[in-house]
Amino acid sequence: MPEWIVVVEGSGLSKHSEIVAWLKADHTLTHGFANGIALAFRNRGESDAEDDLVAVQYSGAKAPLRPIHDGLVAAATAFGADVEAVPKKTGVSLRRSKQFALIEVPSAKRVQLGIQLPGEPATERLQVGNAMCSHRVTITSVAEIDEELLGWLRAAYERAR
């Protein structure tokens, strides 16, 4: 990654979307890799405070749940270059122009994904949420990040304009 940061610094670009487009066009990278590099470039020089917030959330008995978090962030950031994963003390907000999802780890047994889908009927899996998100989905393994869940997440992303 440090080598890619140097390459991007040499481009003179600073906007996330421009960097992603340039990496894809000039370096034939996939969107996911280009987005990851652009995020790393944008966050260069910052303290590791955001990484520390996520590390603390997934420490101890909650550590085995970190791949679920990472899978959700990877899926969401693949929707578009405008997605930001913003760690907070108790969760990670997924934002576009506004928050469309919230990843939290309330126990050592599950990750809770809050999703903004007002008006969407609740189901056994897509449950009624709270003030932060209209719905929530409980996830206990990476295998549960399936097409149904990704469909709800994408719909929330698309509404967050």
C-alpha atoms as a PDB file:
ATOM      1  CA  MET A   1       0.000   0.000   0.000  1.00  0.00           C
ATOM      2  CA  PRO A   2       2.746   2.545   0.718  1.00  0.00           C
ATOM      3  CA  GLU A   3       3.908   2.230  -2.899  1.00  0.00           C
ATOM      4  CA  TRP A   4       0.393   2.952  -4.176  1.00  0.00           C
ATOM      5  CA  ILE A   5       0.164   6.013  -1.914  1.00  0.00           C
ATOM      6  CA  VAL A   6       3.314   7.364  -3.579  1.00  0.00           C
ATOM      7  CA  VAL A   7       1.851   6.661  -7.034  1.00  0.00           C
ATOM      8  CA  VAL A   8      -1.376   8.497  -6.186  1.00  0.00           C
ATOM      9  CA  GLU A   9       0.541  11.413  -4.640  1.00  0.00           C
ATOM     10  CA  GLY A  10       2.404  11.739  -7.946  1.00  0.00           C
ATOM     11  CA  SER A  11      -0.865  11.971  -9.877  1.00  0.00           C
ATOM     12  CA  GLY A  12      -1.759  15.332  -8.350  1.00  0.00           C
ATOM     13  CA  LEU A  13      -5.338  14.149  -7.825  1.00  0.00           C
ATOM     14  CA  SER A  14      -7.092  14.675  -4.513  1.00  0.00           C
ATOM     15  CA  LYS A  15     -10.787  13.846  -4.963  1.00  0.00           C
ATOM     16  CA  HIS A  16     -11.731  10.280  -4.089  1.00  0.00           C
ATOM     17  CA  SER A  17     -13.803   9.680  -7.224  1.00  0.00           C
ATOM     18  CA  GLU A  18     -11.064  11.081  -9.488  1.00  0.00           C
ATOM     19  CA  ILE A  19      -8.439   8.848  -7.884  1.00  0.00           C
ATOM     20  CA  VAL A  20     -10.631   5.755  -8.259  1.00  0.00           C
ATOM     21  CA  ALA A  21     -11.379   6.547 -11.916  1.00  0.00           C
ATOM     22  CA  TRP A  22      -7.698   7.217 -12.643  1.00  0.00           C
ATOM     23  CA  LEU A  23      -6.508   3.998 -10.964  1.00  0.00           C
ATOM     24  CA  LYS A  24      -9.088   1.985 -12.877  1.00  0.00           C
ATOM     25  CA  ALA A  25      -8.288   3.608 -16.223  1.00  0.00           C
ATOM     26  CA  ASP A  26      -4.519   4.062 -16.043  1.00  0.00           C
ATOM     27  CA  HIS A  27      -3.588   1.101 -13.858  1.00  0.00           C
ATOM     28  CA  THR A  28      -6.389  -1.319 -14.841  1.00  0.00           C
ATOM     29  CA  LEU A  29      -7.362  -1.969 -11.237  1.00  0.00           C
ATOM     30  CA  THR A  30     -10.755  -3.308 -10.242  1.00  0.00           C
ATOM     31  CA  HIS A  31     -13.111  -0.888  -8.547  1.00  0.00           C
ATOM     32  CA  GLY A  32     -12.627  -2.543  -5.156  1.00  0.00           C
ATOM     33  CA  PHE A  33      -8.836  -2.257  -5.227  1.00  0.00           C
ATOM     34  CA  ALA A  34      -8.939   1.286  -6.610  1.00  0.00           C
ATOM     35  CA  ASN A  35     -11.424   2.301  -3.918  1.00  0.00           C
ATOM     36  CA  GLY A  36      -9.263   0.772  -1.180  1.00  0.00           C
ATOM     37  CA  ILE A  37      -6.179   2.600  -2.420  1.00  0.00           C
ATOM     38  CA  ALA A  38      -8.098   5.875  -2.675  1.00  0.00           C
ATOM     39  CA  LEU A  39      -9.368   5.443   0.884  1.00  0.00           C
ATOM     40  CA  ALA A  40      -5.858   4.714   2.145  1.00  0.00           C
ATOM     41  CA  PHE A  41      -4.546   7.751   0.274  1.00  0.00           C
ATOM     42  CA  ARG A  42      -7.270   9.978   1.671  1.00  0.00           C
ATOM     43  CA  ASN A  43      -6.592   8.750   5.205  1.00  0.00           C
ATOM     44  CA  ARG A  44      -2.788   8.987   4.967  1.00  0.00           C
ATOM     45  CA  GLY A  45      -1.131  10.973   7.661  1.00  0.00           C
ATOM     46  CA  GLU A  46      -4.090  10.621   9.990  1.00  0.00           C
ATOM     47  CA  SER A  47      -3.609   8.884  13.265  1.00  0.00           C
ATOM     48  CA  ASP A  48      -4.681   5.312  13.559  1.00  0.00           C
ATOM     49  CA  ALA A  49      -7.542   6.446  15.779  1.00  0.00           C
ATOM     50  CA  GLU A  50     -10.222   5.136  13.389  1.00  0.00           C
ATOM     51  CA  ASP A  51      -8.466   1.775  13.047  1.00  0.00           C
ATOM     52  CA  ASP A  52      -8.118   1.690  16.813  1.00  0.00           C
ATOM     53  CA  LEU A  53     -11.863   2.265  17.258  1.00  0.00           C
ATOM     54  CA  VAL A  54     -12.648  -0.758  15.091  1.00  0.00           C
ATOM     55  CA  ALA A  55      -9.914  -2.847  16.723  1.00  0.00           C
ATOM     56  CA  VAL A  56     -11.363  -2.115  20.173  1.00  0.00           C
ATOM     57  CA  GLN A  57     -14.875  -3.048  19.001  1.00  0.00           C
ATOM     58  CA  TYR A  58     -13.600  -6.431  17.785  1.00  0.00           C
ATOM     59  CA  SER A  59     -11.210  -7.228  20.601  1.00  0.00           C
ATOM     60  CA  GLY A  60     -11.330 -10.090  23.053  1.00  0.00           C
ATOM     61  CA  ALA A  61     -14.259 -12.459  22.695  1.00  0.00           C
ATOM     62  CA  LYS A  62     -15.626 -10.386  19.765  1.00  0.00           C
ATOM     63  CA  ALA A  63     -12.478 -10.875  17.626  1.00  0.00           C
ATOM     64  CA  PRO A  64     -13.924 -13.831  15.648  1.00  0.00           C
ATOM     65  CA  LEU A  65     -16.671 -11.499  14.356  1.00  0.00           C
ATOM     66  CA  ARG A  66     -14.239  -9.103  12.633  1.00  0.00           C
ATOM     67  CA  PRO A  67     -14.480 -10.924   9.242  1.00  0.00           C
ATOM     68  CA  ILE A  68     -18.205 -10.147   9.217  1.00  0.00           C
ATOM     69  CA  HIS A  69     -17.458  -6.453   9.704  1.00  0.00           C
ATOM     70  CA  ASP A  70     -14.780  -6.522   7.027  1.00  0.00           C
ATOM     71  CA  GLY A  71     -17.100  -8.326   4.595  1.00  0.00           C
ATOM     72  CA  LEU A  72     -19.884  -5.789   5.110  1.00  0.00           C
ATOM     73  CA  VAL A  73     -17.526  -2.836   4.630  1.00  0.00           C
ATOM     74  CA  ALA A  74     -16.025  -4.399   1.492  1.00  0.00           C
ATOM     75  CA  ALA A  75     -19.487  -5.057   0.043  1.00  0.00           C
ATOM     76  CA  ALA A  76     -20.727  -1.545   0.790  1.00  0.00           C
ATOM     77  CA  THR A  77     -17.642   0.228  -0.557  1.00  0.00           C
ATOM     78  CA  ALA A  78     -17.976  -1.766  -3.778  1.00  0.00           C
ATOM     79  CA  PHE A  79     -21.331  -0.042  -4.435  1.00  0.00           C
ATOM     80  CA  GLY A  80     -19.598   3.206  -5.333  1.00  0.00           C
ATOM     81  CA  ALA A  81     -16.647   5.481  -4.764  1.00  0.00           C
ATOM     82  CA  ASP A  82     -18.843   7.743  -2.659  1.00  0.00           C
ATOM     83  CA  VAL A  83     -19.224   5.244   0.206  1.00  0.00           C
ATOM     84  CA  GLU A  84     -17.473   6.086   3.451  1.00  0.00           C
ATOM     85  CA  ALA A  85     -16.987   3.717   6.365  1.00  0.00           C
ATOM     86  CA  VAL A  86     -16.752   5.940   9.441  1.00  0.00           C
ATOM     87  CA  PRO A  87     -15.790   4.250  12.708  1.00  0.00           C
ATOM     88  CA  LYS A  88     -17.399   5.573  15.866  1.00  0.00           C
ATOM     89  CA  LYS A  89     -16.982   4.426  19.440  1.00  0.00           C
ATOM     90  CA  THR A  90     -19.670   1.734  19.265  1.00  0.00           C
ATOM     91  CA  GLY A  91     -20.056   1.027  15.557  1.00  0.00           C
ATOM     92  CA  VAL A  92     -19.131   1.846  11.991  1.00  0.00           C
ATOM     93  CA  SER A  93     -21.374   4.149  10.012  1.00  0.00           C
ATOM     94  CA  LEU A  94     -21.705   3.472   6.282  1.00  0.00           C
ATOM     95  CA  ARG A  95     -22.436   6.764   4.553  1.00  0.00           C
ATOM     96  CA  ARG A  96     -22.997   8.193   1.156  1.00  0.00           C
ATOM     97  CA  SER A  97     -24.396  11.708   1.362  1.00  0.00           C
ATOM     98  CA  LYS A  98     -26.056  10.438   4.559  1.00  0.00           C
ATOM     99  CA  GLN A  99     -25.874   7.292   6.658  1.00  0.00           C
ATOM    100  CA  PHE A 100     -27.482   4.271   5.031  1.00  0.00           C
ATOM    101  CA  ALA A 101     -26.256   1.541   7.387  1.00  0.00           C
ATOM    102  CA  LEU A 102     -24.608   1.016  10.757  1.00  0.00           C
ATOM    103  CA  ILE A 103     -22.465  -1.974  11.753  1.00  0.00           C
ATOM    104  CA  GLU A 104     -22.395  -2.742  15.475  1.00  0.00           C
ATOM    105  CA  VAL A 105     -21.132  -5.679  17.517  1.00  0.00           C
ATOM    106  CA  PRO A 106     -23.397  -5.836  20.597  1.00  0.00           C
ATOM    107  CA  SER A 107     -22.176  -9.238  21.800  1.00  0.00           C
ATOM    108  CA  ALA A 108     -19.527 -11.872  21.185  1.00  0.00           C
ATOM    109  CA  LYS A 109     -22.083 -13.919  19.253  1.00  0.00           C
ATOM    110  CA  ARG A 110     -23.437 -11.500  16.640  1.00  0.00           C
ATOM    111  CA  VAL A 111     -22.999  -8.422  14.503  1.00  0.00           C
ATOM    112  CA  GLN A 112     -25.972  -6.134  14.148  1.00  0.00           C
ATOM    113  CA  LEU A 113     -26.432  -4.374  10.797  1.00  0.00           C
ATOM    114  CA  GLY A 114     -28.775  -1.414  10.951  1.00  0.00           C
ATOM    115  CA  ILE A 115     -30.186  -0.492   7.541  1.00  0.00           C
ATOM    116  CA  GLN A 116     -32.100   2.621   6.479  1.00  0.00           C
ATOM    117  CA  LEU A 117     -35.078   1.278   4.516  1.00  0.00           C
ATOM    118  CA  PRO A 118     -38.079   3.312   5.682  1.00  0.00           C
ATOM    119  CA  GLY A 119     -41.338   1.921   4.370  1.00  0.00           C
ATOM    120  CA  GLU A 120     -39.906  -1.544   3.717  1.00  0.00           C
ATOM    121  CA  PRO A 121     -41.976  -4.250   5.417  1.00  0.00           C
ATOM    122  CA  ALA A 122     -40.236  -6.192   8.157  1.00  0.00           C
ATOM    123  CA  THR A 123     -39.609  -9.902   7.769  1.00  0.00           C
ATOM    124  CA  GLU A 124     -38.298 -12.587  10.071  1.00  0.00           C
ATOM    125  CA  ARG A 125     -34.763 -11.648   9.028  1.00  0.00           C
ATOM    126  CA  LEU A 126     -35.178  -7.910   8.243  1.00  0.00           C
ATOM    127  CA  GLN A 127     -36.484  -6.779  11.600  1.00  0.00           C
ATOM    128  CA  VAL A 128     -37.806  -3.415  12.728  1.00  0.00           C
ATOM    129  CA  GLY A 129     -34.943  -1.197  13.853  1.00  0.00           C
ATOM    130  CA  ASN A 130     -34.729   1.853  16.070  1.00  0.00           C
ATOM    131  CA  ALA A 131     -34.242   5.617  15.749  1.00  0.00           C
ATOM    132  CA  MET A 132     -30.804   5.196  14.133  1.00  0.00           C
ATOM    133  CA  CYS A 133     -31.907   2.790  11.380  1.00  0.00           C
ATOM    134  CA  SER A 134     -35.376   1.708  10.277  1.00  0.00           C
ATOM    135  CA  HIS A 135     -34.400  -1.986  10.141  1.00  0.00           C
ATOM    136  CA  ARG A 136     -31.801  -4.368  11.502  1.00  0.00           C
ATOM    137  CA  VAL A 137     -30.361  -7.722  10.548  1.00  0.00           C
ATOM    138  CA  THR A 138     -28.518 -10.017  12.954  1.00  0.00           C
ATOM    139  CA  ILE A 139     -25.449 -11.694  11.433  1.00  0.00           C
ATOM    140  CA  THR A 140     -23.529 -14.523  13.079  1.00  0.00           C
ATOM    141  CA  SER A 141     -21.296 -15.684  10.203  1.00  0.00           C
ATOM    142  CA  VAL A 142     -19.774 -14.404   6.971  1.00  0.00           C
ATOM    143  CA  ALA A 143     -21.979 -16.878   5.086  1.00  0.00           C
ATOM    144  CA  GLU A 144     -24.987 -14.751   6.069  1.00  0.00           C
ATOM    145  CA  ILE A 145     -23.684 -11.898   3.908  1.00  0.00           C
ATOM    146  CA  ASP A 146     -25.745 -13.271   1.055  1.00  0.00           C
ATOM    147  CA  GLU A 147     -27.622 -11.867  -1.950  1.00  0.00           C
ATOM    148  CA  GLU A 148     -30.702 -11.056   0.124  1.00  0.00           C
ATOM    149  CA  LEU A 149     -28.712  -9.041   2.676  1.00  0.00           C
ATOM    150  CA  LEU A 150     -26.652  -7.342  -0.035  1.00  0.00           C
ATOM    151  CA  GLY A 151     -29.886  -6.432  -1.826  1.00  0.00           C
ATOM    152  CA  TRP A 152     -31.177  -4.622   1.261  1.00  0.00           C
ATOM    153  CA  LEU A 153     -27.819  -2.916   1.774  1.00  0.00           C
ATOM    154  CA  ARG A 154     -27.680  -1.798  -1.877  1.00  0.00           C
ATOM    155  CA  ALA A 155     -31.259  -0.500  -1.717  1.00  0.00           C
ATOM    156  CA  ALA A 156     -30.359   1.581   1.345  1.00  0.00           C
ATOM    157  CA  TYR A 157     -27.246   2.869  -0.458  1.00  0.00           C
ATOM    158  CA  GLU A 158     -29.290   3.861  -3.490  1.00  0.00           C
ATOM    159  CA  ARG A 159     -31.805   5.753  -1.333  1.00  0.00           C
ATOM    160  CA  ALA A 160     -29.053   7.694   0.450  1.00  0.00           C
ATOM    161  CA  ARG A 161     -28.671  10.466  -2.115  1.00  0.00           C
END
